[in-house]
Amino acid sequence: ITRFLCNPLTGQLTRLPAIGAGREKFGCGPHMGVLTQAGRAHG
């Protein structure tokens, strides 16, 4: 299983680290959500 974050306008793909091994990695992720939080100061 490969997990990516993707920017649909630029096409950038960022691979996330693997989770566990064997059957453990198979069961994790189908219902994960992604949330962003802006920086608190400029830059």
PDB file of all heavy atoms in Angstrom:
ATOM      1  N   ILE A   1       0.848  -1.181   0.000  1.00  0.00           N
ATOM      2  CA  ILE A   1       0.000   0.000   0.000  1.00  0.00           C
ATOM      3  C   ILE A   1       0.892   1.242   0.000  1.00  0.00           C
ATOM      4  O   ILE A   1       1.823   1.344   0.799  1.00  0.00           O
ATOM      5  CB  ILE A   1      -0.928   0.032   1.233  1.00  0.00           C
ATOM      6  CG1 ILE A   1      -1.835  -1.203   1.236  1.00  0.00           C
ATOM      7  CG2 ILE A   1      -1.769   1.299   1.237  1.00  0.00           C
ATOM      8  CD1 ILE A   1      -2.733  -1.277   2.441  1.00  0.00           C
ATOM      9  N   THR A   2       0.603   2.159  -0.915  1.00  0.00           N
ATOM     10  CA  THR A   2       1.330   3.421  -0.983  1.00  0.00           C
ATOM     11  C   THR A   2       0.349   4.552  -0.712  1.00  0.00           C
ATOM     12  O   THR A   2      -0.737   4.591  -1.286  1.00  0.00           O
ATOM     13  CB  THR A   2       1.970   3.614  -2.364  1.00  0.00           C
ATOM     14  OG1 THR A   2       2.661   2.427  -2.744  1.00  0.00           O
ATOM     15  CG2 THR A   2       2.954   4.773  -2.344  1.00  0.00           C
ATOM     16  N   ARG A   3       0.740   5.460   0.172  1.00  0.00           N
ATOM     17  CA  ARG A   3      -0.109   6.585   0.537  1.00  0.00           C
ATOM     18  C   ARG A   3       0.550   7.883   0.094  1.00  0.00           C
ATOM     19  O   ARG A   3       1.741   8.098   0.344  1.00  0.00           O
ATOM     20  CB  ARG A   3      -0.364   6.593   2.053  1.00  0.00           C
ATOM     21  CG  ARG A   3      -1.119   5.356   2.531  1.00  0.00           C
ATOM     22  CD  ARG A   3      -1.210   5.292   4.046  1.00  0.00           C
ATOM     23  NE  ARG A   3      -1.999   4.137   4.470  1.00  0.00           N
ATOM     24  CZ  ARG A   3      -1.496   2.909   4.634  1.00  0.00           C
ATOM     25  NH1 ARG A   3      -0.202   2.692   4.425  1.00  0.00           N
ATOM     26  NH2 ARG A   3      -2.278   1.916   4.992  1.00  0.00           N
ATOM     27  N   PHE A   4      -0.245   8.741  -0.557  1.00  0.00           N
ATOM     28  CA  PHE A   4       0.268   9.989  -1.091  1.00  0.00           C
ATOM     29  C   PHE A   4      -0.592  11.165  -0.626  1.00  0.00           C
ATOM     30  O   PHE A   4      -1.801  11.034  -0.426  1.00  0.00           O
ATOM     31  CB  PHE A   4       0.211  10.000  -2.628  1.00  0.00           C
ATOM     32  CG  PHE A   4       1.080   9.006  -3.326  1.00  0.00           C
ATOM     33  CD1 PHE A   4       0.528   7.859  -3.869  1.00  0.00           C
ATOM     34  CD2 PHE A   4       2.441   9.217  -3.478  1.00  0.00           C
ATOM     35  CE1 PHE A   4       1.307   6.950  -4.551  1.00  0.00           C
ATOM     36  CE2 PHE A   4       3.240   8.315  -4.164  1.00  0.00           C
ATOM     37  CZ  PHE A   4       2.666   7.173  -4.694  1.00  0.00           C
ATOM     38  N   LEU A   5       0.050  12.323  -0.532  1.00  0.00           N
ATOM     39  CA  LEU A   5      -0.646  13.598  -0.559  1.00  0.00           C
ATOM     40  C   LEU A   5      -0.450  14.175  -1.954  1.00  0.00           C
ATOM     41  O   LEU A   5       0.636  14.061  -2.535  1.00  0.00           O
ATOM     42  CB  LEU A   5      -0.101  14.552   0.501  1.00  0.00           C
ATOM     43  CG  LEU A   5      -0.436  14.174   1.943  1.00  0.00           C
ATOM     44  CD1 LEU A   5       0.417  14.979   2.910  1.00  0.00           C
ATOM     45  CD2 LEU A   5      -1.914  14.383   2.236  1.00  0.00           C
ATOM     46  N   CYS A   6      -1.498  14.785  -2.484  1.00  0.00           N
ATOM     47  CA  CYS A   6      -1.445  15.236  -3.874  1.00  0.00           C
ATOM     48  C   CYS A   6      -2.020  16.634  -4.003  1.00  0.00           C
ATOM     49  O   CYS A   6      -3.079  16.936  -3.434  1.00  0.00           O
ATOM     50  CB  CYS A   6      -2.236  14.255  -4.756  1.00  0.00           C
ATOM     51  SG  CYS A   6      -2.385  14.775  -6.486  1.00  0.00           S
ATOM     52  N   ASN A   7      -1.330  17.473  -4.760  1.00  0.00           N
ATOM     53  CA  ASN A   7      -1.843  18.778  -5.156  1.00  0.00           C
ATOM     54  C   ASN A   7      -2.442  18.620  -6.551  1.00  0.00           C
ATOM     55  O   ASN A   7      -1.712  18.391  -7.522  1.00  0.00           O
ATOM     56  CB  ASN A   7      -0.720  19.807  -5.170  1.00  0.00           C
ATOM     57  CG  ASN A   7      -1.201  21.210  -5.515  1.00  0.00           C
ATOM     58  OD1 ASN A   7      -2.119  21.389  -6.301  1.00  0.00           O
ATOM     59  ND2 ASN A   7      -0.554  22.208  -4.938  1.00  0.00           N
ATOM     60  N   PRO A   8      -3.768  18.716  -6.706  1.00  0.00           N
ATOM     61  CA  PRO A   8      -4.378  18.425  -8.003  1.00  0.00           C
ATOM     62  C   PRO A   8      -4.076  19.448  -9.087  1.00  0.00           C
ATOM     63  O   PRO A   8      -4.263  19.159 -10.266  1.00  0.00           O
ATOM     64  CB  PRO A   8      -5.879  18.391  -7.678  1.00  0.00           C
ATOM     65  CG  PRO A   8      -6.027  19.251  -6.470  1.00  0.00           C
ATOM     66  CD  PRO A   8      -4.765  19.044  -5.673  1.00  0.00           C
ATOM     67  N   LEU A   9      -3.625  20.644  -8.711  1.00  0.00           N
ATOM     68  CA  LEU A   9      -3.302  21.647  -9.729  1.00  0.00           C
ATOM     69  C   LEU A   9      -1.875  21.520 -10.235  1.00  0.00           C
ATOM     70  O   LEU A   9      -1.615  21.687 -11.421  1.00  0.00           O
ATOM     71  CB  LEU A   9      -3.542  23.055  -9.178  1.00  0.00           C
ATOM     72  CG  LEU A   9      -5.004  23.490  -9.016  1.00  0.00           C
ATOM     73  CD1 LEU A   9      -5.082  24.962  -8.681  1.00  0.00           C
ATOM     74  CD2 LEU A   9      -5.808  23.193 -10.275  1.00  0.00           C
ATOM     75  N   THR A  10      -0.930  21.253  -9.341  1.00  0.00           N
ATOM     76  CA  THR A  10       0.467  21.139  -9.767  1.00  0.00           C
ATOM     77  C   THR A  10       0.863  19.698 -10.065  1.00  0.00           C
ATOM     78  O   THR A  10       1.887  19.455 -10.702  1.00  0.00           O
ATOM     79  CB  THR A  10       1.407  21.684  -8.676  1.00  0.00           C
ATOM     80  OG1 THR A  10       1.324  20.847  -7.512  1.00  0.00           O
ATOM     81  CG2 THR A  10       1.038  23.109  -8.303  1.00  0.00           C
ATOM     82  N   GLY A  11       0.086  18.734  -9.585  1.00  0.00           N
ATOM     83  CA  GLY A  11       0.430  17.321  -9.767  1.00  0.00           C
ATOM     84  C   GLY A  11       1.449  16.816  -8.765  1.00  0.00           C
ATOM     85  O   GLY A  11       1.842  15.646  -8.825  1.00  0.00           O
ATOM     86  N   GLN A  12       1.901  17.667  -7.830  1.00  0.00           N
ATOM     87  CA  GLN A  12       2.897  17.213  -6.874  1.00  0.00           C
ATOM     88  C   GLN A  12       2.352  16.063  -6.029  1.00  0.00           C
ATOM     89  O   GLN A  12       1.259  16.136  -5.477  1.00  0.00           O
ATOM     90  CB  GLN A  12       3.331  18.339  -5.940  1.00  0.00           C
ATOM     91  CG  GLN A  12       4.436  17.905  -4.962  1.00  0.00           C
ATOM     92  CD  GLN A  12       4.645  18.877  -3.815  1.00  0.00           C
ATOM     93  OE1 GLN A  12       3.848  19.781  -3.609  1.00  0.00           O
ATOM     94  NE2 GLN A  12       5.716  18.691  -3.058  1.00  0.00           N
ATOM     95  N   LEU A  13       3.147  14.991  -5.941  1.00  0.00           N
ATOM     96  CA  LEU A  13       2.832  13.840  -5.101  1.00  0.00           C
ATOM     97  C   LEU A  13       3.867  13.742  -3.998  1.00  0.00           C
ATOM     98  O   LEU A  13       5.070  13.790  -4.262  1.00  0.00           O
ATOM     99  CB  LEU A  13       2.835  12.545  -5.914  1.00  0.00           C
ATOM    100  CG  LEU A  13       1.644  12.279  -6.825  1.00  0.00           C
ATOM    101  CD1 LEU A  13       1.936  11.089  -7.734  1.00  0.00           C
ATOM    102  CD2 LEU A  13       0.382  12.020  -6.015  1.00  0.00           C
ATOM    103  N   THR A  14       3.422  13.605  -2.774  1.00  0.00           N
ATOM    104  CA  THR A  14       4.321  13.431  -1.638  1.00  0.00           C
ATOM    105  C   THR A  14       3.960  12.121  -0.958  1.00  0.00           C
ATOM    106  O   THR A  14       2.841  11.950  -0.481  1.00  0.00           O
ATOM    107  CB  THR A  14       4.188  14.588  -0.637  1.00  0.00           C
ATOM    108  OG1 THR A  14       4.442  15.830  -1.320  1.00  0.00           O
ATOM    109  CG2 THR A  14       5.172  14.426   0.509  1.00  0.00           C
ATOM    110  N   ARG A  15       4.925  11.203  -0.949  1.00  0.00           N
ATOM    111  CA  ARG A  15       4.680   9.890  -0.365  1.00  0.00           C
ATOM    112  C   ARG A  15       4.774   9.956   1.156  1.00  0.00           C
ATOM    113  O   ARG A  15       5.706  10.551   1.718  1.00  0.00           O
ATOM    114  CB  ARG A  15       5.714   8.890  -0.891  1.00  0.00           C
ATOM    115  CG  ARG A  15       5.475   7.446  -0.460  1.00  0.00           C
ATOM    116  CD  ARG A  15       6.761   6.647  -0.640  1.00  0.00           C
ATOM    117  NE  ARG A  15       7.241   6.723  -2.003  1.00  0.00           N
ATOM    118  CZ  ARG A  15       7.031   5.780  -2.930  1.00  0.00           C
ATOM    119  NH1 ARG A  15       6.356   4.697  -2.609  1.00  0.00           N
ATOM    120  NH2 ARG A  15       7.510   5.910  -4.146  1.00  0.00           N
ATOM    121  N   LEU A  16       3.809   9.360   1.832  1.00  0.00           N
ATOM    122  CA  LEU A  16       3.851   9.264   3.281  1.00  0.00           C
ATOM    123  C   LEU A  16       4.563   7.972   3.681  1.00  0.00           C
ATOM    124  O   LEU A  16       4.576   6.996   2.930  1.00  0.00           O
ATOM    125  CB  LEU A  16       2.442   9.270   3.869  1.00  0.00           C
ATOM    126  CG  LEU A  16       1.623  10.543   3.645  1.00  0.00           C
ATOM    127  CD1 LEU A  16       0.292  10.437   4.369  1.00  0.00           C
ATOM    128  CD2 LEU A  16       2.381  11.774   4.113  1.00  0.00           C
ATOM    129  N   PRO A  17       5.173   7.952   4.872  1.00  0.00           N
ATOM    130  CA  PRO A  17       5.838   6.719   5.319  1.00  0.00           C
ATOM    131  C   PRO A  17       4.843   5.567   5.404  1.00  0.00           C
ATOM    132  O   PRO A  17       3.635   5.765   5.568  1.00  0.00           O
ATOM    133  CB  PRO A  17       6.375   7.086   6.712  1.00  0.00           C
ATOM    134  CG  PRO A  17       6.407   8.583   6.739  1.00  0.00           C
ATOM    135  CD  PRO A  17       5.300   9.043   5.855  1.00  0.00           C
ATOM    136  N   ALA A  18       5.364   4.349   5.309  1.00  0.00           N
ATOM    137  CA  ALA A  18       4.530   3.159   5.436  1.00  0.00           C
ATOM    138  C   ALA A  18       4.041   3.022   6.873  1.00  0.00           C
ATOM    139  O   ALA A  18       4.668   3.506   7.817  1.00  0.00           O
ATOM    140  CB  ALA A  18       5.302   1.918   5.022  1.00  0.00           C
ATOM    141  N   ILE A  19       2.896   2.350   7.030  1.00  0.00           N
ATOM    142  CA  ILE A  19       2.341   2.071   8.354  1.00  0.00           C
ATOM    143  C   ILE A  19       2.506   0.592   8.640  1.00  0.00           C
ATOM    144  O   ILE A  19       1.929  -0.246   7.957  1.00  0.00           O
ATOM    145  CB  ILE A  19       0.844   2.419   8.423  1.00  0.00           C
ATOM    146  CG1 ILE A  19       0.613   3.881   8.047  1.00  0.00           C
ATOM    147  CG2 ILE A  19       0.277   2.130   9.804  1.00  0.00           C
ATOM    148  CD1 ILE A  19      -0.849   4.246   7.949  1.00  0.00           C
ATOM    149  N   GLY A  20       3.278   0.234   9.658  1.00  0.00           N
ATOM    150  CA  GLY A  20       3.383  -1.155  10.071  1.00  0.00           C
ATOM    151  C   GLY A  20       3.915  -2.061   8.981  1.00  0.00           C
ATOM    152  O   GLY A  20       4.586  -1.637   8.049  1.00  0.00           O
ATOM    153  N   ALA A  21       3.568  -3.340   9.105  1.00  0.00           N
ATOM    154  CA  ALA A  21       4.032  -4.345   8.155  1.00  0.00           C
ATOM    155  C   ALA A  21       2.989  -5.444   8.075  1.00  0.00           C
ATOM    156  O   ALA A  21       2.145  -5.613   8.950  1.00  0.00           O
ATOM    157  CB  ALA A  21       5.379  -4.927   8.593  1.00  0.00           C
ATOM    158  N   GLY A  22       3.049  -6.217   6.985  1.00  0.00           N
ATOM    159  CA  GLY A  22       2.153  -7.356   6.832  1.00  0.00           C
ATOM    160  C   GLY A  22       0.698  -6.926   6.817  1.00  0.00           C
ATOM    161  O   GLY A  22       0.323  -5.916   6.237  1.00  0.00           O
ATOM    162  N   ARG A  23      -0.159  -7.714   7.477  1.00  0.00           N
ATOM    163  CA  ARG A  23      -1.595  -7.438   7.485  1.00  0.00           C
ATOM    164  C   ARG A  23      -1.937  -6.117   8.168  1.00  0.00           C
ATOM    165  O   ARG A  23      -2.964  -5.508   7.898  1.00  0.00           O
ATOM    166  CB  ARG A  23      -2.339  -8.588   8.176  1.00  0.00           C
ATOM    167  CG  ARG A  23      -2.344  -9.870   7.373  1.00  0.00           C
ATOM    168  CD  ARG A  23      -3.237  -9.730   6.142  1.00  0.00           C
ATOM    169  NE  ARG A  23      -3.157 -10.897   5.287  1.00  0.00           N
ATOM    170  CZ  ARG A  23      -3.796 -11.018   4.121  1.00  0.00           C
ATOM    171  NH1 ARG A  23      -4.533 -10.018   3.690  1.00  0.00           N
ATOM    172  NH2 ARG A  23      -3.673 -12.104   3.387  1.00  0.00           N
ATOM    173  N   GLU A  24      -1.073  -5.661   9.074  1.00  0.00           N
ATOM    174  CA  GLU A  24      -1.338  -4.403   9.774  1.00  0.00           C
ATOM    175  C   GLU A  24      -1.411  -3.241   8.798  1.00  0.00           C
ATOM    176  O   GLU A  24      -2.293  -2.398   8.888  1.00  0.00           O
ATOM    177  CB  GLU A  24      -0.249  -4.152  10.811  1.00  0.00           C
ATOM    178  CG  GLU A  24      -0.432  -2.840  11.578  1.00  0.00           C
ATOM    179  CD  GLU A  24       0.722  -2.554  12.507  1.00  0.00           C
ATOM    180  OE1 GLU A  24       1.562  -3.460  12.711  1.00  0.00           O
ATOM    181  OE2 GLU A  24       0.786  -1.437  13.024  1.00  0.00           O
ATOM    182  N   LYS A  25      -0.503  -3.223   7.836  1.00  0.00           N
ATOM    183  CA  LYS A  25      -0.501  -2.107   6.894  1.00  0.00           C
ATOM    184  C   LYS A  25      -1.691  -2.182   5.943  1.00  0.00           C
ATOM    185  O   LYS A  25      -2.143  -1.187   5.397  1.00  0.00           O
ATOM    186  CB  LYS A  25       0.793  -2.080   6.091  1.00  0.00           C
ATOM    187  CG  LYS A  25       0.956  -3.248   5.113  1.00  0.00           C
ATOM    188  CD  LYS A  25       2.261  -3.139   4.342  1.00  0.00           C
ATOM    189  CE  LYS A  25       2.439  -4.303   3.379  1.00  0.00           C
ATOM    190  NZ  LYS A  25       3.716  -4.230   2.643  1.00  0.00           N
ATOM    191  N   PHE A  26      -2.236  -3.370   5.764  1.00  0.00           N
ATOM    192  CA  PHE A  26      -3.364  -3.544   4.860  1.00  0.00           C
ATOM    193  C   PHE A  26      -4.633  -2.930   5.432  1.00  0.00           C
ATOM    194  O   PHE A  26      -5.477  -2.429   4.719  1.00  0.00           O
ATOM    195  CB  PHE A  26      -3.575  -5.042   4.602  1.00  0.00           C
ATOM    196  CG  PHE A  26      -4.700  -5.355   3.655  1.00  0.00           C
ATOM    197  CD1 PHE A  26      -4.626  -4.982   2.327  1.00  0.00           C
ATOM    198  CD2 PHE A  26      -5.823  -6.017   4.093  1.00  0.00           C
ATOM    199  CE1 PHE A  26      -5.652  -5.277   1.450  1.00  0.00           C
ATOM    200  CE2 PHE A  26      -6.856  -6.311   3.222  1.00  0.00           C
ATOM    201  CZ  PHE A  26      -6.768  -5.941   1.901  1.00  0.00           C
ATOM    202  N   GLY A  27      -4.793  -2.947   6.749  1.00  0.00           N
ATOM    203  CA  GLY A  27      -6.032  -2.503   7.367  1.00  0.00           C
ATOM    204  C   GLY A  27      -6.094  -1.029   7.691  1.00  0.00           C
ATOM    205  O   GLY A  27      -7.122  -0.546   8.153  1.00  0.00           O
ATOM    206  N   CYS A  28      -5.029  -0.286   7.484  1.00  0.00           N
ATOM    207  CA  CYS A  28      -4.986   1.112   7.915  1.00  0.00           C
ATOM    208  C   CYS A  28      -5.143   2.054   6.732  1.00  0.00           C
ATOM    209  O   CYS A  28      -4.424   1.929   5.748  1.00  0.00           O
ATOM    210  CB  CYS A  28      -3.659   1.409   8.614  1.00  0.00           C
ATOM    211  SG  CYS A  28      -3.373   0.440  10.096  1.00  0.00           S
ATOM    212  N   GLY A  29      -6.093   2.986   6.829  1.00  0.00           N
ATOM    213  CA  GLY A  29      -6.096   4.075   5.883  1.00  0.00           C
ATOM    214  C   GLY A  29      -7.298   4.326   5.021  1.00  0.00           C
ATOM    215  O   GLY A  29      -7.451   5.446   4.529  1.00  0.00           O
ATOM    216  N   PRO A  30      -8.218   3.369   4.778  1.00  0.00           N
ATOM    217  CA  PRO A  30      -9.307   3.663   3.838  1.00  0.00           C
ATOM    218  C   PRO A  30     -10.193   4.834   4.255  1.00  0.00           C
ATOM    219  O   PRO A  30     -10.810   5.462   3.409  1.00  0.00           O
ATOM    220  CB  PRO A  30     -10.104   2.354   3.826  1.00  0.00           C
ATOM    221  CG  PRO A  30      -9.145   1.306   4.252  1.00  0.00           C
ATOM    222  CD  PRO A  30      -8.237   1.972   5.222  1.00  0.00           C
ATOM    223  N   HIS A  31     -10.267   5.135   5.545  1.00  0.00           N
ATOM    224  CA  HIS A  31     -11.141   6.208   6.003  1.00  0.00           C
ATOM    225  C   HIS A  31     -10.359   7.312   6.696  1.00  0.00           C
ATOM    226  O   HIS A  31     -10.871   7.974   7.603  1.00  0.00           O
ATOM    227  CB  HIS A  31     -12.220   5.644   6.920  1.00  0.00           C
ATOM    228  CG  HIS A  31     -13.099   4.640   6.245  1.00  0.00           C
ATOM    229  ND1 HIS A  31     -13.927   4.964   5.203  1.00  0.00           N
ATOM    230  CD2 HIS A  31     -13.237   3.307   6.444  1.00  0.00           C
ATOM    231  CE1 HIS A  31     -14.562   3.880   4.794  1.00  0.00           C
ATOM    232  NE2 HIS A  31     -14.166   2.873   5.523  1.00  0.00           N
ATOM    233  N   MET A  32      -9.133   7.520   6.268  1.00  0.00           N
ATOM    234  CA  MET A  32      -8.348   8.619   6.802  1.00  0.00           C
ATOM    235  C   MET A  32      -8.778   9.931   6.160  1.00  0.00           C
ATOM    236  O   MET A  32      -9.164   9.972   4.998  1.00  0.00           O
ATOM    237  CB  MET A  32      -6.861   8.390   6.551  1.00  0.00           C
ATOM    238  CG  MET A  32      -6.261   7.332   7.459  1.00  0.00           C
ATOM    239  SD  MET A  32      -4.493   7.159   7.203  1.00  0.00           S
ATOM    240  CE  MET A  32      -4.089   6.085   8.586  1.00  0.00           C
ATOM    241  N   GLY A  33      -8.688  10.992   6.953  1.00  0.00           N
ATOM    242  CA  GLY A  33      -8.969  12.319   6.441  1.00  0.00           C
ATOM    243  C   GLY A  33      -7.723  13.177   6.490  1.00  0.00           C
ATOM    244  O   GLY A  33      -6.771  12.879   7.223  1.00  0.00           O
ATOM    245  N   VAL A  34      -7.714  14.259   5.710  1.00  0.00           N
ATOM    246  CA  VAL A  34      -6.574  15.173   5.697  1.00  0.00           C
ATOM    247  C   VAL A  34      -7.063  16.553   6.104  1.00  0.00           C
ATOM    248  O   VAL A  34      -8.113  17.026   5.659  1.00  0.00           O
ATOM    249  CB  VAL A  34      -5.895  15.208   4.306  1.00  0.00           C
ATOM    250  CG1 VAL A  34      -6.864  15.571   3.200  1.00  0.00           C
ATOM    251  CG2 VAL A  34      -4.710  16.172   4.314  1.00  0.00           C
ATOM    252  N   LEU A  35      -6.297  17.201   6.995  1.00  0.00           N
ATOM    253  CA  LEU A  35      -6.651  18.511   7.536  1.00  0.00           C
ATOM    254  C   LEU A  35      -5.411  19.389   7.523  1.00  0.00           C
ATOM    255  O   LEU A  35      -4.321  18.941   7.903  1.00  0.00           O
ATOM    256  CB  LEU A  35      -7.181  18.372   8.966  1.00  0.00           C
ATOM    257  CG  LEU A  35      -7.611  19.650   9.688  1.00  0.00           C
ATOM    258  CD1 LEU A  35      -8.870  20.225   9.041  1.00  0.00           C
ATOM    259  CD2 LEU A  35      -7.866  19.367  11.172  1.00  0.00           C
ATOM    260  N   THR A  36      -5.557  20.630   7.079  1.00  0.00           N
ATOM    261  CA  THR A  36      -4.436  21.573   7.062  1.00  0.00           C
ATOM    262  C   THR A  36      -4.696  22.703   8.041  1.00  0.00           C
ATOM    263  O   THR A  36      -5.838  23.041   8.359  1.00  0.00           O
ATOM    264  CB  THR A  36      -4.222  22.154   5.660  1.00  0.00           C
ATOM    265  OG1 THR A  36      -5.434  22.754   5.207  1.00  0.00           O
ATOM    266  CG2 THR A  36      -3.784  21.076   4.685  1.00  0.00           C
ATOM    267  N   GLN A  37      -3.611  23.298   8.499  1.00  0.00           N
ATOM    268  CA  GLN A  37      -3.671  24.389   9.463  1.00  0.00           C
ATOM    269  C   GLN A  37      -2.629  25.422   9.052  1.00  0.00           C
ATOM    270  O   GLN A  37      -1.443  25.106   8.928  1.00  0.00           O
ATOM    271  CB  GLN A  37      -3.394  23.857  10.871  1.00  0.00           C
ATOM    272  CG  GLN A  37      -3.625  24.821  11.997  1.00  0.00           C
ATOM    273  CD  GLN A  37      -3.324  24.172  13.346  1.00  0.00           C
ATOM    274  OE1 GLN A  37      -2.175  24.016  13.727  1.00  0.00           O
ATOM    275  NE2 GLN A  37      -4.367  23.790  14.068  1.00  0.00           N
ATOM    276  N   ALA A  38      -3.059  26.658   8.817  1.00  0.00           N
ATOM    277  CA  ALA A  38      -2.156  27.693   8.332  1.00  0.00           C
ATOM    278  C   ALA A  38      -1.114  28.046   9.383  1.00  0.00           C
ATOM    279  O   ALA A  38      -1.342  27.895  10.590  1.00  0.00           O
ATOM    280  CB  ALA A  38      -2.943  28.941   7.945  1.00  0.00           C
ATOM    281  N   GLY A  39       0.059  28.529   8.918  1.00  0.00           N
ATOM    282  CA  GLY A  39       1.093  28.995   9.832  1.00  0.00           C
ATOM    283  C   GLY A  39       0.621  30.195  10.631  1.00  0.00           C
ATOM    284  O   GLY A  39      -0.170  31.013  10.140  1.00  0.00           O
ATOM    285  N   ARG A  40       1.100  30.325  11.856  1.00  0.00           N
ATOM    286  CA  ARG A  40       0.638  31.400  12.734  1.00  0.00           C
ATOM    287  C   ARG A  40       1.302  32.733  12.444  1.00  0.00           C
ATOM    288  O   ARG A  40       0.821  33.779  12.847  1.00  0.00           O
ATOM    289  CB  ARG A  40       0.875  31.005  14.185  1.00  0.00           C
ATOM    290  CG  ARG A  40       0.068  29.788  14.611  1.00  0.00           C
ATOM    291  CD  ARG A  40       0.258  29.473  16.067  1.00  0.00           C
ATOM    292  NE  ARG A  40      -0.544  28.324  16.476  1.00  0.00           N
ATOM    293  CZ  ARG A  40      -0.577  27.837  17.699  1.00  0.00           C
ATOM    294  NH1 ARG A  40       0.162  28.405  18.653  1.00  0.00           N
ATOM    295  NH2 ARG A  40      -1.329  26.801  17.996  1.00  0.00           N
ATOM    296  N   ALA A  41       2.438  32.707  11.777  1.00  0.00           N
ATOM    297  CA  ALA A  41       3.141  33.959  11.442  1.00  0.00           C
ATOM    298  C   ALA A  41       3.535  33.916   9.974  1.00  0.00           C
ATOM    299  O   ALA A  41       3.660  32.848   9.375  1.00  0.00           O
ATOM    300  CB  ALA A  41       4.383  34.135  12.331  1.00  0.00           C
ATOM    301  N   HIS A  42       3.727  35.092   9.399  1.00  0.00           N
ATOM    302  CA  HIS A  42       4.084  35.169   7.986  1.00  0.00           C
ATOM    303  C   HIS A  42       5.404  34.430   7.736  1.00  0.00           C
ATOM    304  O   HIS A  42       6.393  34.634   8.426  1.00  0.00           O
ATOM    305  CB  HIS A  42       4.230  36.628   7.562  1.00  0.00           C
ATOM    306  CG  HIS A  42       4.601  36.793   6.125  1.00  0.00           C
ATOM    307  ND1 HIS A  42       3.713  36.517   5.103  1.00  0.00           N
ATOM    308  CD2 HIS A  42       5.761  37.185   5.539  1.00  0.00           C
ATOM    309  CE1 HIS A  42       4.312  36.735   3.948  1.00  0.00           C
ATOM    310  NE2 HIS A  42       5.558  37.151   4.188  1.00  0.00           N
ATOM    311  N   GLY A  43       5.393  33.565   6.742  1.00  0.00           N
ATOM    312  CA  GLY A  43       6.586  32.809   6.407  1.00  0.00           C
ATOM    313  C   GLY A  43       6.695  31.474   7.121  1.00  0.00           C
ATOM    314  O   GLY A  43       7.544  30.655   6.768  1.00  0.00           O
TER     315      GLY A  43
END
